[in-house]
Amino acid sequence: MLMLSPLMKWLGLALITLVPSGLLWLQNRSYQVEIEQLKSHLIQSQTSVDQQRSVIEQLKKHNAESTRLYAERLQREQAKRKALKAERLFYQNALADETCYQRPWPDAVIERLHQPY
């Protein structure tokens, strides 16, 4: 049987306990570095998401304003068309009774209208 000196036993015991402890410490340290990197990435992602939300809100407001303006313009356009139609009908009815409006135009006037300017 092989007899080891007490110093060798102590060194062997120290190696058996320190090597796994050192490996665990190194692994723990690498995990801590990875956690810090992930935290940094998370902060950057949150900042990006906040900026994108801000842009989305601005676009929603712009879209709502554009829709409102379009609806107002459409209402004004419809009111103008209705007023013009009523005015045209009024003048047509007023001219329907006029005798000069009912007569055909003289040939000289029609020839003049066909000539280039």
C-alpha atoms as a PDB file:
ATOM      1  CA  MET A   1       0.000   0.000   0.000  1.00  0.00           C
ATOM      2  CA  LEU A   2       1.165   3.426  -0.844  1.00  0.00           C
ATOM      3  CA  MET A   3       1.705   5.744   2.101  1.00  0.00           C
ATOM      4  CA  LEU A   4       1.270   9.434   1.505  1.00  0.00           C
ATOM      5  CA  SER A   5       2.779  12.074   3.640  1.00  0.00           C
ATOM      6  CA  PRO A   6       0.448  14.362   5.563  1.00  0.00           C
ATOM      7  CA  LEU A   7       1.465  17.231   3.308  1.00  0.00           C
ATOM      8  CA  MET A   8       0.473  15.278   0.215  1.00  0.00           C
ATOM      9  CA  LYS A   9      -2.829  14.341   1.814  1.00  0.00           C
ATOM     10  CA  TRP A  10      -3.464  17.965   2.657  1.00  0.00           C
ATOM     11  CA  LEU A  11      -2.569  19.096  -0.886  1.00  0.00           C
ATOM     12  CA  GLY A  12      -4.787  16.410  -2.395  1.00  0.00           C
ATOM     13  CA  LEU A  13      -7.683  17.407  -0.175  1.00  0.00           C
ATOM     14  CA  ALA A  14      -7.125  21.071  -1.009  1.00  0.00           C
ATOM     15  CA  LEU A  15      -7.105  20.307  -4.741  1.00  0.00           C
ATOM     16  CA  ILE A  16     -10.237  18.194  -4.476  1.00  0.00           C
ATOM     17  CA  THR A  17     -12.119  21.046  -2.780  1.00  0.00           C
ATOM     18  CA  LEU A  18     -10.569  24.097  -4.469  1.00  0.00           C
ATOM     19  CA  VAL A  19     -10.754  22.974  -8.114  1.00  0.00           C
ATOM     20  CA  PRO A  20     -14.543  22.450  -8.142  1.00  0.00           C
ATOM     21  CA  SER A  21     -14.983  25.634  -6.106  1.00  0.00           C
ATOM     22  CA  GLY A  22     -12.880  27.570  -8.600  1.00  0.00           C
ATOM     23  CA  LEU A  23     -14.776  26.124 -11.526  1.00  0.00           C
ATOM     24  CA  LEU A  24     -18.073  27.048  -9.893  1.00  0.00           C
ATOM     25  CA  TRP A  25     -16.790  30.569  -9.252  1.00  0.00           C
ATOM     26  CA  LEU A  26     -15.751  30.952 -12.920  1.00  0.00           C
ATOM     27  CA  GLN A  27     -19.093  29.635 -14.108  1.00  0.00           C
ATOM     28  CA  ASN A  28     -20.916  31.982 -11.723  1.00  0.00           C
ATOM     29  CA  ARG A  29     -18.848  34.912 -13.000  1.00  0.00           C
ATOM     30  CA  SER A  30     -19.669  34.079 -16.632  1.00  0.00           C
ATOM     31  CA  TYR A  31     -23.366  33.920 -15.718  1.00  0.00           C
ATOM     32  CA  GLN A  32     -23.115  37.320 -14.046  1.00  0.00           C
ATOM     33  CA  VAL A  33     -21.539  38.799 -17.193  1.00  0.00           C
ATOM     34  CA  GLU A  34     -24.283  37.246 -19.310  1.00  0.00           C
ATOM     35  CA  ILE A  35     -26.953  38.642 -16.974  1.00  0.00           C
ATOM     36  CA  GLU A  36     -25.452  42.133 -17.264  1.00  0.00           C
ATOM     37  CA  GLN A  37     -25.421  41.860 -21.054  1.00  0.00           C
ATOM     38  CA  LEU A  38     -29.044  40.728 -21.064  1.00  0.00           C
ATOM     39  CA  LYS A  39     -30.028  43.603 -18.760  1.00  0.00           C
ATOM     40  CA  SER A  40     -28.347  46.049 -21.129  1.00  0.00           C
ATOM     41  CA  HIS A  41     -30.122  44.491 -24.101  1.00  0.00           C
ATOM     42  CA  LEU A  42     -33.442  44.666 -22.231  1.00  0.00           C
ATOM     43  CA  ILE A  43     -32.971  48.372 -21.513  1.00  0.00           C
ATOM     44  CA  GLN A  44     -32.174  49.047 -25.177  1.00  0.00           C
ATOM     45  CA  SER A  45     -35.213  47.053 -26.263  1.00  0.00           C
ATOM     46  CA  GLN A  46     -37.484  48.904 -23.846  1.00  0.00           C
ATOM     47  CA  THR A  47     -36.189  52.238 -25.141  1.00  0.00           C
ATOM     48  CA  SER A  48     -36.845  51.134 -28.709  1.00  0.00           C
ATOM     49  CA  VAL A  49     -40.354  49.967 -27.816  1.00  0.00           C
ATOM     50  CA  ASP A  50     -41.094  53.286 -26.086  1.00  0.00           C
ATOM     51  CA  GLN A  51     -39.944  55.218 -29.156  1.00  0.00           C
ATOM     52  CA  GLN A  52     -42.055  53.035 -31.426  1.00  0.00           C
ATOM     53  CA  ARG A  53     -45.107  53.522 -29.201  1.00  0.00           C
ATOM     54  CA  SER A  54     -44.568  57.267 -29.351  1.00  0.00           C
ATOM     55  CA  VAL A  55     -44.426  57.172 -33.146  1.00  0.00           C
ATOM     56  CA  ILE A  56     -47.556  55.006 -33.278  1.00  0.00           C
ATOM     57  CA  GLU A  57     -49.441  57.464 -31.053  1.00  0.00           C
ATOM     58  CA  GLN A  58     -48.363  60.383 -33.240  1.00  0.00           C
ATOM     59  CA  LEU A  59     -49.504  58.527 -36.345  1.00  0.00           C
ATOM     60  CA  LYS A  60     -52.852  57.704 -34.728  1.00  0.00           C
ATOM     61  CA  LYS A  61     -53.381  61.382 -33.869  1.00  0.00           C
ATOM     62  CA  HIS A  62     -52.403  62.426 -37.384  1.00  0.00           C
ATOM     63  CA  ASN A  63     -54.757  59.838 -38.869  1.00  0.00           C
ATOM     64  CA  ALA A  64     -57.647  61.000 -36.674  1.00  0.00           C
ATOM     65  CA  GLU A  65     -56.999  64.632 -37.618  1.00  0.00           C
ATOM     66  CA  SER A  66     -56.812  63.751 -41.327  1.00  0.00           C
ATOM     67  CA  THR A  67     -60.061  61.801 -41.083  1.00  0.00           C
ATOM     68  CA  ARG A  68     -61.766  64.716 -39.336  1.00  0.00           C
ATOM     69  CA  LEU A  69     -60.533  67.193 -41.962  1.00  0.00           C
ATOM     70  CA  TYR A  70     -61.638  64.887 -44.769  1.00  0.00           C
ATOM     71  CA  ALA A  71     -65.125  64.577 -43.270  1.00  0.00           C
ATOM     72  CA  GLU A  72     -65.381  68.372 -42.936  1.00  0.00           C
ATOM     73  CA  ARG A  73     -64.250  68.911 -46.535  1.00  0.00           C
ATOM     74  CA  LEU A  74     -66.687  66.296 -47.761  1.00  0.00           C
ATOM     75  CA  GLN A  75     -69.567  67.996 -45.932  1.00  0.00           C
ATOM     76  CA  ARG A  76     -68.579  71.401 -47.358  1.00  0.00           C
ATOM     77  CA  GLU A  77     -68.314  69.934 -50.855  1.00  0.00           C
ATOM     78  CA  GLN A  78     -71.736  68.302 -50.567  1.00  0.00           C
ATOM     79  CA  ALA A  79     -73.255  71.552 -49.291  1.00  0.00           C
ATOM     80  CA  LYS A  80     -71.685  73.486 -52.200  1.00  0.00           C
ATOM     81  CA  ARG A  81     -72.962  70.966 -54.735  1.00  0.00           C
ATOM     82  CA  LYS A  82     -76.437  71.121 -53.242  1.00  0.00           C
ATOM     83  CA  ALA A  83     -76.409  74.932 -53.312  1.00  0.00           C
ATOM     84  CA  LEU A  84     -75.134  75.014 -56.911  1.00  0.00           C
ATOM     85  CA  LYS A  85     -77.761  72.508 -58.000  1.00  0.00           C
ATOM     86  CA  ALA A  86     -80.498  74.587 -56.379  1.00  0.00           C
ATOM     87  CA  GLU A  87     -79.132  77.773 -57.969  1.00  0.00           C
ATOM     88  CA  ARG A  88     -78.919  76.155 -61.418  1.00  0.00           C
ATOM     89  CA  LEU A  89     -82.468  74.851 -61.075  1.00  0.00           C
ATOM     90  CA  PHE A  90     -83.628  78.318 -60.010  1.00  0.00           C
ATOM     91  CA  TYR A  91     -82.077  79.942 -63.089  1.00  0.00           C
ATOM     92  CA  GLN A  92     -83.372  77.238 -65.413  1.00  0.00           C
ATOM     93  CA  ASN A  93     -86.872  77.786 -64.085  1.00  0.00           C
ATOM     94  CA  ALA A  94     -86.479  81.556 -64.355  1.00  0.00           C
ATOM     95  CA  LEU A  95     -85.252  81.344 -67.958  1.00  0.00           C
ATOM     96  CA  ALA A  96     -87.850  78.787 -68.993  1.00  0.00           C
ATOM     97  CA  ASP A  97     -90.457  81.543 -69.207  1.00  0.00           C
ATOM     98  CA  GLU A  98     -88.265  83.969 -71.175  1.00  0.00           C
ATOM     99  CA  THR A  99     -89.102  84.045 -74.856  1.00  0.00           C
ATOM    100  CA  CYS A 100     -85.613  85.014 -75.999  1.00  0.00           C
ATOM    101  CA  TYR A 101     -84.202  81.981 -74.238  1.00  0.00           C
ATOM    102  CA  GLN A 102     -86.625  79.684 -76.014  1.00  0.00           C
ATOM    103  CA  ARG A 103     -85.760  80.911 -79.525  1.00  0.00           C
ATOM    104  CA  PRO A 104     -82.859  79.402 -81.481  1.00  0.00           C
ATOM    105  CA  TRP A 105     -79.835  81.586 -81.928  1.00  0.00           C
ATOM    106  CA  PRO A 106     -79.259  83.302 -85.239  1.00  0.00           C
ATOM    107  CA  ASP A 107     -76.972  81.545 -87.725  1.00  0.00           C
ATOM    108  CA  ALA A 108     -74.443  84.385 -87.619  1.00  0.00           C
ATOM    109  CA  VAL A 109     -73.980  83.916 -83.877  1.00  0.00           C
ATOM    110  CA  ILE A 110     -73.502  80.165 -84.211  1.00  0.00           C
ATOM    111  CA  GLU A 111     -70.972  80.654 -87.026  1.00  0.00           C
ATOM    112  CA  ARG A 112     -69.079  83.147 -84.911  1.00  0.00           C
ATOM    113  CA  LEU A 113     -69.001  80.700 -81.983  1.00  0.00           C
ATOM    114  CA  HIS A 114     -67.501  78.002 -84.213  1.00  0.00           C
ATOM    115  CA  GLN A 115     -64.626  80.241 -85.297  1.00  0.00           C
ATOM    116  CA  PRO A 116     -61.274  79.947 -83.486  1.00  0.00           C
ATOM    117  CA  TYR A 117     -60.261  82.742 -81.171  1.00  0.00           C
END
